Amino acid sequence: IEIADKIGVGLNQTVAVGDGANDLDMLAAA
């Protein structure tokens, strides 16, 4: 969220890629 805000990109314009439970919140936010 911080990086998207810094570069002026809406969250609907983000992609997150991960494999573990530690990535779940990031995948949900993207």
mmCIF file of all heavy atoms, coordinates in Angstrom:
data_MODEL
# 
_entry.id   MODEL 
# 
loop_
_atom_site.group_PDB 
_atom_site.id 
_atom_site.type_symbol 
_atom_site.label_atom_id 
_atom_site.label_alt_id 
_atom_site.label_comp_id 
_atom_site.label_asym_id 
_atom_site.label_entity_id 
_atom_site.label_seq_id 
_atom_site.pdbx_PDB_ins_code 
_atom_site.Cartn_x 
_atom_site.Cartn_y 
_atom_site.Cartn_z 
_atom_site.occupancy 
_atom_site.B_iso_or_equiv 
_atom_site.pdbx_formal_charge 
_atom_site.auth_seq_id 
_atom_site.auth_comp_id 
_atom_site.auth_asym_id 
_atom_site.auth_atom_id 
_atom_site.pdbx_PDB_model_num 
ATOM 1   N N   . ILE A 1 1  ? 0.833  -1.201  0.000   1.00 0.00 ? 1  ILE A N   1 
ATOM 2   C CA  . ILE A 1 1  ? 0.000  0.000   0.000   1.00 0.00 ? 1  ILE A CA  1 
ATOM 3   C C   . ILE A 1 1  ? 0.871  1.255   0.000   1.00 0.00 ? 1  ILE A C   1 
ATOM 4   O O   . ILE A 1 1  ? 0.591  2.228   -0.719  1.00 0.00 ? 1  ILE A O   1 
ATOM 5   C CB  . ILE A 1 1  ? -0.943 -0.016  1.220   1.00 0.00 ? 1  ILE A CB  1 
ATOM 6   C CG1 . ILE A 1 1  ? -1.951 -1.164  1.078   1.00 0.00 ? 1  ILE A CG1 1 
ATOM 7   C CG2 . ILE A 1 1  ? -1.673 1.307   1.368   1.00 0.00 ? 1  ILE A CG2 1 
ATOM 8   C CD1 . ILE A 1 1  ? -2.752 -1.456  2.336   1.00 0.00 ? 1  ILE A CD1 1 
ATOM 9   N N   . GLU A 1 2  ? 1.957  1.243   0.783   1.00 0.00 ? 2  GLU A N   1 
ATOM 10  C CA  . GLU A 1 2  ? 2.841  2.415   0.856   1.00 0.00 ? 2  GLU A CA  1 
ATOM 11  C C   . GLU A 1 2  ? 3.524  2.679   -0.482  1.00 0.00 ? 2  GLU A C   1 
ATOM 12  O O   . GLU A 1 2  ? 3.633  3.834   -0.920  1.00 0.00 ? 2  GLU A O   1 
ATOM 13  C CB  . GLU A 1 2  ? 3.889  2.199   1.945   1.00 0.00 ? 2  GLU A CB  1 
ATOM 14  C CG  . GLU A 1 2  ? 3.336  2.278   3.363   1.00 0.00 ? 2  GLU A CG  1 
ATOM 15  C CD  . GLU A 1 2  ? 4.370  1.906   4.411   1.00 0.00 ? 2  GLU A CD  1 
ATOM 16  O OE1 . GLU A 1 2  ? 5.560  1.714   4.028   1.00 0.00 ? 2  GLU A OE1 1 
ATOM 17  O OE2 . GLU A 1 2  ? 4.014  1.793   5.590   1.00 0.00 ? 2  GLU A OE2 1 
ATOM 18  N N   . ILE A 1 3  ? 3.999  1.623   -1.136  1.00 0.00 ? 3  ILE A N   1 
ATOM 19  C CA  . ILE A 1 3  ? 4.667  1.812   -2.428  1.00 0.00 ? 3  ILE A CA  1 
ATOM 20  C C   . ILE A 1 3  ? 3.674  2.322   -3.467  1.00 0.00 ? 3  ILE A C   1 
ATOM 21  O O   . ILE A 1 3  ? 3.975  3.229   -4.248  1.00 0.00 ? 3  ILE A O   1 
ATOM 22  C CB  . ILE A 1 3  ? 5.321  0.500   -2.893  1.00 0.00 ? 3  ILE A CB  1 
ATOM 23  C CG1 . ILE A 1 3  ? 6.428  0.076   -1.927  1.00 0.00 ? 3  ILE A CG1 1 
ATOM 24  C CG2 . ILE A 1 3  ? 5.899  0.656   -4.301  1.00 0.00 ? 3  ILE A CG2 1 
ATOM 25  C CD1 . ILE A 1 3  ? 6.948  -1.324  -2.164  1.00 0.00 ? 3  ILE A CD1 1 
ATOM 26  N N   . ALA A 1 4  ? 2.476  1.756   -3.485  1.00 0.00 ? 4  ALA A N   1 
ATOM 27  C CA  . ALA A 1 4  ? 1.449  2.204   -4.429  1.00 0.00 ? 4  ALA A CA  1 
ATOM 28  C C   . ALA A 1 4  ? 1.132  3.679   -4.216  1.00 0.00 ? 4  ALA A C   1 
ATOM 29  O O   . ALA A 1 4  ? 1.014  4.455   -5.177  1.00 0.00 ? 4  ALA A O   1 
ATOM 30  C CB  . ALA A 1 4  ? 0.192  1.356   -4.274  1.00 0.00 ? 4  ALA A CB  1 
ATOM 31  N N   . ASP A 1 5  ? 1.011  4.076   -2.945  1.00 0.00 ? 5  ASP A N   1 
ATOM 32  C CA  . ASP A 1 5  ? 0.733  5.474   -2.636  1.00 0.00 ? 5  ASP A CA  1 
ATOM 33  C C   . ASP A 1 5  ? 1.893  6.375   -3.061  1.00 0.00 ? 5  ASP A C   1 
ATOM 34  O O   . ASP A 1 5  ? 1.688  7.467   -3.593  1.00 0.00 ? 5  ASP A O   1 
ATOM 35  C CB  . ASP A 1 5  ? 0.462  5.618   -1.135  1.00 0.00 ? 5  ASP A CB  1 
ATOM 36  C CG  . ASP A 1 5  ? 0.064  7.032   -0.760  1.00 0.00 ? 5  ASP A CG  1 
ATOM 37  O OD1 . ASP A 1 5  ? -0.979 7.509   -1.245  1.00 0.00 ? 5  ASP A OD1 1 
ATOM 38  O OD2 . ASP A 1 5  ? 0.821  7.679   0.006   1.00 0.00 ? 5  ASP A OD2 1 
ATOM 39  N N   . LYS A 1 6  ? 3.106  5.904   -2.842  1.00 0.00 ? 6  LYS A N   1 
ATOM 40  C CA  . LYS A 1 6  ? 4.293  6.699   -3.178  1.00 0.00 ? 6  LYS A CA  1 
ATOM 41  C C   . LYS A 1 6  ? 4.387  6.978   -4.669  1.00 0.00 ? 6  LYS A C   1 
ATOM 42  O O   . LYS A 1 6  ? 4.765  8.080   -5.085  1.00 0.00 ? 6  LYS A O   1 
ATOM 43  C CB  . LYS A 1 6  ? 5.547  5.972   -2.697  1.00 0.00 ? 6  LYS A CB  1 
ATOM 44  C CG  . LYS A 1 6  ? 6.839  6.727   -2.965  1.00 0.00 ? 6  LYS A CG  1 
ATOM 45  C CD  . LYS A 1 6  ? 8.028  5.997   -2.358  1.00 0.00 ? 6  LYS A CD  1 
ATOM 46  C CE  . LYS A 1 6  ? 9.329  6.774   -2.580  1.00 0.00 ? 6  LYS A CE  1 
ATOM 47  N NZ  . LYS A 1 6  ? 10.491 6.084   -1.951  1.00 0.00 ? 6  LYS A NZ  1 
ATOM 48  N N   . ILE A 1 7  ? 4.045  6.003   -5.491  1.00 0.00 ? 7  ILE A N   1 
ATOM 49  C CA  . ILE A 1 7  ? 4.168  6.197   -6.936  1.00 0.00 ? 7  ILE A CA  1 
ATOM 50  C C   . ILE A 1 7  ? 2.857  6.651   -7.572  1.00 0.00 ? 7  ILE A C   1 
ATOM 51  O O   . ILE A 1 7  ? 2.777  6.810   -8.796  1.00 0.00 ? 7  ILE A O   1 
ATOM 52  C CB  . ILE A 1 7  ? 4.673  4.910   -7.624  1.00 0.00 ? 7  ILE A CB  1 
ATOM 53  C CG1 . ILE A 1 7  ? 3.652  3.780   -7.489  1.00 0.00 ? 7  ILE A CG1 1 
ATOM 54  C CG2 . ILE A 1 7  ? 6.029  4.494   -7.060  1.00 0.00 ? 7  ILE A CG2 1 
ATOM 55  C CD1 . ILE A 1 7  ? 4.052  2.522   -8.247  1.00 0.00 ? 7  ILE A CD1 1 
ATOM 56  N N   . GLY A 1 8  ? 1.829  6.854   -6.740  1.00 0.00 ? 8  GLY A N   1 
ATOM 57  C CA  . GLY A 1 8  ? 0.567  7.379   -7.245  1.00 0.00 ? 8  GLY A CA  1 
ATOM 58  C C   . GLY A 1 8  ? -0.264 6.377   -8.015  1.00 0.00 ? 8  GLY A C   1 
ATOM 59  O O   . GLY A 1 8  ? -0.929 6.722   -9.003  1.00 0.00 ? 8  GLY A O   1 
ATOM 60  N N   . VAL A 1 9  ? -0.284 5.125   -7.560  1.00 0.00 ? 9  VAL A N   1 
ATOM 61  C CA  . VAL A 1 9  ? -1.028 4.069   -8.224  1.00 0.00 ? 9  VAL A CA  1 
ATOM 62  C C   . VAL A 1 9  ? -2.143 3.578   -7.305  1.00 0.00 ? 9  VAL A C   1 
ATOM 63  O O   . VAL A 1 9  ? -1.905 3.335   -6.117  1.00 0.00 ? 9  VAL A O   1 
ATOM 64  C CB  . VAL A 1 9  ? -0.085 2.892   -8.584  1.00 0.00 ? 9  VAL A CB  1 
ATOM 65  C CG1 . VAL A 1 9  ? -0.873 1.638   -8.920  1.00 0.00 ? 9  VAL A CG1 1 
ATOM 66  C CG2 . VAL A 1 9  ? 0.808  3.274   -9.753  1.00 0.00 ? 9  VAL A CG2 1 
ATOM 67  N N   . GLY A 1 10 ? -3.355 3.452   -7.828  1.00 0.00 ? 10 GLY A N   1 
ATOM 68  C CA  . GLY A 1 10 ? -4.453 2.917   -7.039  1.00 0.00 ? 10 GLY A CA  1 
ATOM 69  C C   . GLY A 1 10 ? -4.276 1.431   -6.803  1.00 0.00 ? 10 GLY A C   1 
ATOM 70  O O   . GLY A 1 10 ? -3.652 0.734   -7.607  1.00 0.00 ? 10 GLY A O   1 
ATOM 71  N N   . LEU A 1 11 ? -4.829 0.942   -5.718  1.00 0.00 ? 11 LEU A N   1 
ATOM 72  C CA  . LEU A 1 11 ? -4.661 -0.478  -5.400  1.00 0.00 ? 11 LEU A CA  1 
ATOM 73  C C   . LEU A 1 11 ? -5.246 -1.381  -6.473  1.00 0.00 ? 11 LEU A C   1 
ATOM 74  O O   . LEU A 1 11 ? -4.802 -2.517  -6.648  1.00 0.00 ? 11 LEU A O   1 
ATOM 75  C CB  . LEU A 1 11 ? -5.285 -0.786  -4.037  1.00 0.00 ? 11 LEU A CB  1 
ATOM 76  C CG  . LEU A 1 11 ? -4.543 -0.218  -2.822  1.00 0.00 ? 11 LEU A CG  1 
ATOM 77  C CD1 . LEU A 1 11 ? -5.278 -0.580  -1.541  1.00 0.00 ? 11 LEU A CD1 1 
ATOM 78  C CD2 . LEU A 1 11 ? -3.107 -0.731  -2.773  1.00 0.00 ? 11 LEU A CD2 1 
ATOM 79  N N   . ASN A 1 12 ? -6.264 -0.903  -7.198  1.00 0.00 ? 12 ASN A N   1 
ATOM 80  C CA  . ASN A 1 12 ? -6.831 -1.727  -8.274  1.00 0.00 ? 12 ASN A CA  1 
ATOM 81  C C   . ASN A 1 12 ? -5.860 -1.872  -9.442  1.00 0.00 ? 12 ASN A C   1 
ATOM 82  O O   . ASN A 1 12 ? -6.082 -2.674  -10.347 1.00 0.00 ? 12 ASN A O   1 
ATOM 83  C CB  . ASN A 1 12 ? -8.156 -1.145  -8.756  1.00 0.00 ? 12 ASN A CB  1 
ATOM 84  C CG  . ASN A 1 12 ? -7.989 0.195   -9.434  1.00 0.00 ? 12 ASN A CG  1 
ATOM 85  O OD1 . ASN A 1 12 ? -7.103 0.982   -9.080  1.00 0.00 ? 12 ASN A OD1 1 
ATOM 86  N ND2 . ASN A 1 12 ? -8.849 0.490   -10.382 1.00 0.00 ? 12 ASN A ND2 1 
ATOM 87  N N   . GLN A 1 13 ? -4.765 -1.116  -9.409  1.00 0.00 ? 13 GLN A N   1 
ATOM 88  C CA  . GLN A 1 13 ? -3.746 -1.197  -10.451 1.00 0.00 ? 13 GLN A CA  1 
ATOM 89  C C   . GLN A 1 13 ? -2.487 -1.904  -9.940  1.00 0.00 ? 13 GLN A C   1 
ATOM 90  O O   . GLN A 1 13 ? -1.399 -1.692  -10.453 1.00 0.00 ? 13 GLN A O   1 
ATOM 91  C CB  . GLN A 1 13 ? -3.381 0.195   -10.952 1.00 0.00 ? 13 GLN A CB  1 
ATOM 92  C CG  . GLN A 1 13 ? -4.524 0.916   -11.669 1.00 0.00 ? 13 GLN A CG  1 
ATOM 93  C CD  . GLN A 1 13 ? -4.142 2.331   -12.029 1.00 0.00 ? 13 GLN A CD  1 
ATOM 94  O OE1 . GLN A 1 13 ? -4.281 3.277   -11.256 1.00 0.00 ? 13 GLN A OE1 1 
ATOM 95  N NE2 . GLN A 1 13 ? -3.620 2.491   -13.230 1.00 0.00 ? 13 GLN A NE2 1 
ATOM 96  N N   . THR A 1 14 ? -2.638 -2.742  -8.937  1.00 0.00 ? 14 THR A N   1 
ATOM 97  C CA  . THR A 1 14 ? -1.497 -3.456  -8.382  1.00 0.00 ? 14 THR A CA  1 
ATOM 98  C C   . THR A 1 14 ? -1.680 -4.961  -8.529  1.00 0.00 ? 14 THR A C   1 
ATOM 99  O O   . THR A 1 14 ? -2.801 -5.468  -8.555  1.00 0.00 ? 14 THR A O   1 
ATOM 100 C CB  . THR A 1 14 ? -1.293 -3.126  -6.893  1.00 0.00 ? 14 THR A CB  1 
ATOM 101 O OG1 . THR A 1 14 ? -2.424 -3.592  -6.136  1.00 0.00 ? 14 THR A OG1 1 
ATOM 102 C CG2 . THR A 1 14 ? -1.142 -1.625  -6.677  1.00 0.00 ? 14 THR A CG2 1 
ATOM 103 N N   . VAL A 1 15 ? -0.558 -5.651  -8.620  1.00 0.00 ? 15 VAL A N   1 
ATOM 104 C CA  . VAL A 1 15 ? -0.520 -7.112  -8.680  1.00 0.00 ? 15 VAL A CA  1 
ATOM 105 C C   . VAL A 1 15 ? 0.426  -7.586  -7.587  1.00 0.00 ? 15 VAL A C   1 
ATOM 106 O O   . VAL A 1 15 ? 1.511  -7.031  -7.419  1.00 0.00 ? 15 VAL A O   1 
ATOM 107 C CB  . VAL A 1 15 ? -0.006 -7.606  -10.045 1.00 0.00 ? 15 VAL A CB  1 
ATOM 108 C CG1 . VAL A 1 15 ? 0.082  -9.137  -10.069 1.00 0.00 ? 15 VAL A CG1 1 
ATOM 109 C CG2 . VAL A 1 15 ? -0.893 -7.110  -11.180 1.00 0.00 ? 15 VAL A CG2 1 
ATOM 110 N N   . ALA A 1 16 ? 0.020  -8.593  -6.843  1.00 0.00 ? 16 ALA A N   1 
ATOM 111 C CA  . ALA A 1 16 ? 0.885  -9.208  -5.835  1.00 0.00 ? 16 ALA A CA  1 
ATOM 112 C C   . ALA A 1 16 ? 1.016  -10.688 -6.151  1.00 0.00 ? 16 ALA A C   1 
ATOM 113 O O   . ALA A 1 16 ? 0.044  -11.337 -6.541  1.00 0.00 ? 16 ALA A O   1 
ATOM 114 C CB  . ALA A 1 16 ? 0.326  -9.011  -4.436  1.00 0.00 ? 16 ALA A CB  1 
ATOM 115 N N   . VAL A 1 17 ? 2.233  -11.218 -5.954  1.00 0.00 ? 17 VAL A N   1 
ATOM 116 C CA  . VAL A 1 17 ? 2.519  -12.613 -6.257  1.00 0.00 ? 17 VAL A CA  1 
ATOM 117 C C   . VAL A 1 17 ? 3.211  -13.240 -5.053  1.00 0.00 ? 17 VAL A C   1 
ATOM 118 O O   . VAL A 1 17 ? 4.226  -12.708 -4.572  1.00 0.00 ? 17 VAL A O   1 
ATOM 119 C CB  . VAL A 1 17 ? 3.425  -12.755 -7.500  1.00 0.00 ? 17 VAL A CB  1 
ATOM 120 C CG1 . VAL A 1 17 ? 3.601  -14.222 -7.864  1.00 0.00 ? 17 VAL A CG1 1 
ATOM 121 C CG2 . VAL A 1 17 ? 2.874  -11.958 -8.672  1.00 0.00 ? 17 VAL A CG2 1 
ATOM 122 N N   . GLY A 1 18 ? 2.684  -14.351 -4.548  1.00 0.00 ? 18 GLY A N   1 
ATOM 123 C CA  . GLY A 1 18 ? 3.295  -15.013 -3.400  1.00 0.00 ? 18 GLY A CA  1 
ATOM 124 C C   . GLY A 1 18 ? 2.842  -16.443 -3.284  1.00 0.00 ? 18 GLY A C   1 
ATOM 125 O O   . GLY A 1 18 ? 1.946  -16.894 -4.017  1.00 0.00 ? 18 GLY A O   1 
ATOM 126 N N   . ASP A 1 19 ? 3.460  -17.162 -2.328  1.00 0.00 ? 19 ASP A N   1 
ATOM 127 C CA  . ASP A 1 19 ? 3.172  -18.591 -2.230  1.00 0.00 ? 19 ASP A CA  1 
ATOM 128 C C   . ASP A 1 19 ? 2.742  -19.058 -0.844  1.00 0.00 ? 19 ASP A C   1 
ATOM 129 O O   . ASP A 1 19 ? 2.224  -20.162 -0.696  1.00 0.00 ? 19 ASP A O   1 
ATOM 130 C CB  . ASP A 1 19 ? 4.408  -19.398 -2.637  1.00 0.00 ? 19 ASP A CB  1 
ATOM 131 C CG  . ASP A 1 19 ? 5.493  -19.349 -1.564  1.00 0.00 ? 19 ASP A CG  1 
ATOM 132 O OD1 . ASP A 1 19 ? 5.938  -18.234 -1.209  1.00 0.00 ? 19 ASP A OD1 1 
ATOM 133 O OD2 . ASP A 1 19 ? 5.889  -20.419 -1.069  1.00 0.00 ? 19 ASP A OD2 1 
ATOM 134 N N   . GLY A 1 20 ? 2.983  -18.244 0.206   1.00 0.00 ? 20 GLY A N   1 
ATOM 135 C CA  . GLY A 1 20 ? 2.754  -18.738 1.558   1.00 0.00 ? 20 GLY A CA  1 
ATOM 136 C C   . GLY A 1 20 ? 1.713  -17.954 2.329   1.00 0.00 ? 20 GLY A C   1 
ATOM 137 O O   . GLY A 1 20 ? 1.238  -16.898 1.902   1.00 0.00 ? 20 GLY A O   1 
ATOM 138 N N   . ALA A 1 21 ? 1.376  -18.480 3.517   1.00 0.00 ? 21 ALA A N   1 
ATOM 139 C CA  . ALA A 1 21 ? 0.395  -17.810 4.366   1.00 0.00 ? 21 ALA A CA  1 
ATOM 140 C C   . ALA A 1 21 ? 0.843  -16.412 4.735   1.00 0.00 ? 21 ALA A C   1 
ATOM 141 O O   . ALA A 1 21 ? 0.013  -15.515 4.951   1.00 0.00 ? 21 ALA A O   1 
ATOM 142 C CB  . ALA A 1 21 ? 0.158  -18.640 5.629   1.00 0.00 ? 21 ALA A CB  1 
ATOM 143 N N   . ASN A 1 22 ? 2.147  -16.185 4.778   1.00 0.00 ? 22 ASN A N   1 
ATOM 144 C CA  . ASN A 1 22 ? 2.679  -14.871 5.084   1.00 0.00 ? 22 ASN A CA  1 
ATOM 145 C C   . ASN A 1 22 ? 2.347  -13.841 4.004   1.00 0.00 ? 22 ASN A C   1 
ATOM 146 O O   . ASN A 1 22 ? 2.482  -12.639 4.217   1.00 0.00 ? 22 ASN A O   1 
ATOM 147 C CB  . ASN A 1 22 ? 4.199  -14.970 5.257   1.00 0.00 ? 22 ASN A CB  1 
ATOM 148 C CG  . ASN A 1 22 ? 4.780  -13.804 6.012   1.00 0.00 ? 22 ASN A CG  1 
ATOM 149 O OD1 . ASN A 1 22 ? 4.169  -13.289 6.932   1.00 0.00 ? 22 ASN A OD1 1 
ATOM 150 N ND2 . ASN A 1 22 ? 5.964  -13.374 5.619   1.00 0.00 ? 22 ASN A ND2 1 
ATOM 151 N N   . ASP A 1 23 ? 1.892  -14.315 2.840   1.00 0.00 ? 23 ASP A N   1 
ATOM 152 C CA  . ASP A 1 23 ? 1.564  -13.418 1.726   1.00 0.00 ? 23 ASP A CA  1 
ATOM 153 C C   . ASP A 1 23 ? 0.070  -13.120 1.620   1.00 0.00 ? 23 ASP A C   1 
ATOM 154 O O   . ASP A 1 23 ? -0.338 -12.337 0.768   1.00 0.00 ? 23 ASP A O   1 
ATOM 155 C CB  . ASP A 1 23 ? 2.033  -14.036 0.403   1.00 0.00 ? 23 ASP A CB  1 
ATOM 156 C CG  . ASP A 1 23 ? 3.528  -14.275 0.373   1.00 0.00 ? 23 ASP A CG  1 
ATOM 157 O OD1 . ASP A 1 23 ? 4.274  -13.350 0.695   1.00 0.00 ? 23 ASP A OD1 1 
ATOM 158 O OD2 . ASP A 1 23 ? 3.940  -15.406 0.021   1.00 0.00 ? 23 ASP A OD2 1 
ATOM 159 N N   . LEU A 1 24 ? -0.742 -13.742 2.454   1.00 0.00 ? 24 LEU A N   1 
ATOM 160 C CA  . LEU A 1 24 ? -2.189 -13.644 2.281   1.00 0.00 ? 24 LEU A CA  1 
ATOM 161 C C   . LEU A 1 24 ? -2.707 -12.216 2.342   1.00 0.00 ? 24 LEU A C   1 
ATOM 162 O O   . LEU A 1 24 ? -3.539 -11.817 1.517   1.00 0.00 ? 24 LEU A O   1 
ATOM 163 C CB  . LEU A 1 24 ? -2.902 -14.514 3.327   1.00 0.00 ? 24 LEU A CB  1 
ATOM 164 C CG  . LEU A 1 24 ? -2.911 -16.016 3.035   1.00 0.00 ? 24 LEU A CG  1 
ATOM 165 C CD1 . LEU A 1 24 ? -3.419 -16.795 4.246   1.00 0.00 ? 24 LEU A CD1 1 
ATOM 166 C CD2 . LEU A 1 24 ? -3.768 -16.320 1.807   1.00 0.00 ? 24 LEU A CD2 1 
ATOM 167 N N   . ASP A 1 25 ? -2.255 -11.425 3.308   1.00 0.00 ? 25 ASP A N   1 
ATOM 168 C CA  . ASP A 1 25 ? -2.746 -10.050 3.424   1.00 0.00 ? 25 ASP A CA  1 
ATOM 169 C C   . ASP A 1 25 ? -2.322 -9.218  2.213   1.00 0.00 ? 25 ASP A C   1 
ATOM 170 O O   . ASP A 1 25 ? -3.086 -8.382  1.717   1.00 0.00 ? 25 ASP A O   1 
ATOM 171 C CB  . ASP A 1 25 ? -2.235 -9.402  4.711   1.00 0.00 ? 25 ASP A CB  1 
ATOM 172 C CG  . ASP A 1 25 ? -2.871 -9.995  5.953   1.00 0.00 ? 25 ASP A CG  1 
ATOM 173 O OD1 . ASP A 1 25 ? -3.714 -10.901 5.818   1.00 0.00 ? 25 ASP A OD1 1 
ATOM 174 O OD2 . ASP A 1 25 ? -2.510 -9.560  7.072   1.00 0.00 ? 25 ASP A OD2 1 
ATOM 175 N N   . MET A 1 26 ? -1.113 -9.438  1.735   1.00 0.00 ? 26 MET A N   1 
ATOM 176 C CA  . MET A 1 26 ? -0.625 -8.718  0.560   1.00 0.00 ? 26 MET A CA  1 
ATOM 177 C C   . MET A 1 26 ? -1.442 -9.080  -0.674  1.00 0.00 ? 26 MET A C   1 
ATOM 178 O O   . MET A 1 26 ? -1.829 -8.211  -1.464  1.00 0.00 ? 26 MET A O   1 
ATOM 179 C CB  . MET A 1 26 ? 0.852  -9.051  0.339   1.00 0.00 ? 26 MET A CB  1 
ATOM 180 C CG  . MET A 1 26 ? 1.468  -8.429  -0.904  1.00 0.00 ? 26 MET A CG  1 
ATOM 181 S SD  . MET A 1 26 ? 3.238  -8.808  -1.062  1.00 0.00 ? 26 MET A SD  1 
ATOM 182 C CE  . MET A 1 26 ? 3.152  -10.530 -1.625  1.00 0.00 ? 26 MET A CE  1 
ATOM 183 N N   . LEU A 1 27 ? -1.735 -10.366 -0.841  1.00 0.00 ? 27 LEU A N   1 
ATOM 184 C CA  . LEU A 1 27 ? -2.536 -10.798 -1.981  1.00 0.00 ? 27 LEU A CA  1 
ATOM 185 C C   . LEU A 1 27 ? -3.944 -10.218 -1.913  1.00 0.00 ? 27 LEU A C   1 
ATOM 186 O O   . LEU A 1 27 ? -4.533 -9.870  -2.939  1.00 0.00 ? 27 LEU A O   1 
ATOM 187 C CB  . LEU A 1 27 ? -2.602 -12.329 -2.027  1.00 0.00 ? 27 LEU A CB  1 
ATOM 188 C CG  . LEU A 1 27 ? -1.280 -13.077 -2.221  1.00 0.00 ? 27 LEU A CG  1 
ATOM 189 C CD1 . LEU A 1 27 ? -1.516 -14.579 -2.198  1.00 0.00 ? 27 LEU A CD1 1 
ATOM 190 C CD2 . LEU A 1 27 ? -0.593 -12.665 -3.512  1.00 0.00 ? 27 LEU A CD2 1 
ATOM 191 N N   . ALA A 1 28 ? -4.486 -10.123 -0.705  1.00 0.00 ? 28 ALA A N   1 
ATOM 192 C CA  . ALA A 1 28 ? -5.830 -9.566  -0.541  1.00 0.00 ? 28 ALA A CA  1 
ATOM 193 C C   . ALA A 1 28 ? -5.858 -8.067  -0.806  1.00 0.00 ? 28 ALA A C   1 
ATOM 194 O O   . ALA A 1 28 ? -6.848 -7.534  -1.325  1.00 0.00 ? 28 ALA A O   1 
ATOM 195 C CB  . ALA A 1 28 ? -6.337 -9.865  0.865   1.00 0.00 ? 28 ALA A CB  1 
ATOM 196 N N   . ALA A 1 29 ? -4.777 -7.371  -0.461  1.00 0.00 ? 29 ALA A N   1 
ATOM 197 C CA  . ALA A 1 29 ? -4.729 -5.919  -0.626  1.00 0.00 ? 29 ALA A CA  1 
ATOM 198 C C   . ALA A 1 29 ? -4.585 -5.507  -2.085  1.00 0.00 ? 29 ALA A C   1 
ATOM 199 O O   . ALA A 1 29 ? -5.044 -4.437  -2.493  1.00 0.00 ? 29 ALA A O   1 
ATOM 200 C CB  . ALA A 1 29 ? -3.580 -5.338  0.194   1.00 0.00 ? 29 ALA A CB  1 
ATOM 201 N N   . ALA A 1 30 ? -3.952 -6.346  -2.888  1.00 0.00 ? 30 ALA A N   1 
ATOM 202 C CA  . ALA A 1 30 ? -3.679 -5.996  -4.284  1.00 0.00 ? 30 ALA A CA  1 
ATOM 203 C C   . ALA A 1 30 ? -4.938 -6.091  -5.136  1.00 0.00 ? 30 ALA A C   1 
ATOM 204 O O   . ALA A 1 30 ? -5.882 -6.812  -4.820  1.00 0.00 ? 30 ALA A O   1 
ATOM 205 C CB  . ALA A 1 30 ? -2.600 -6.921  -4.844  1.00 0.00 ? 30 ALA A CB  1 
# 
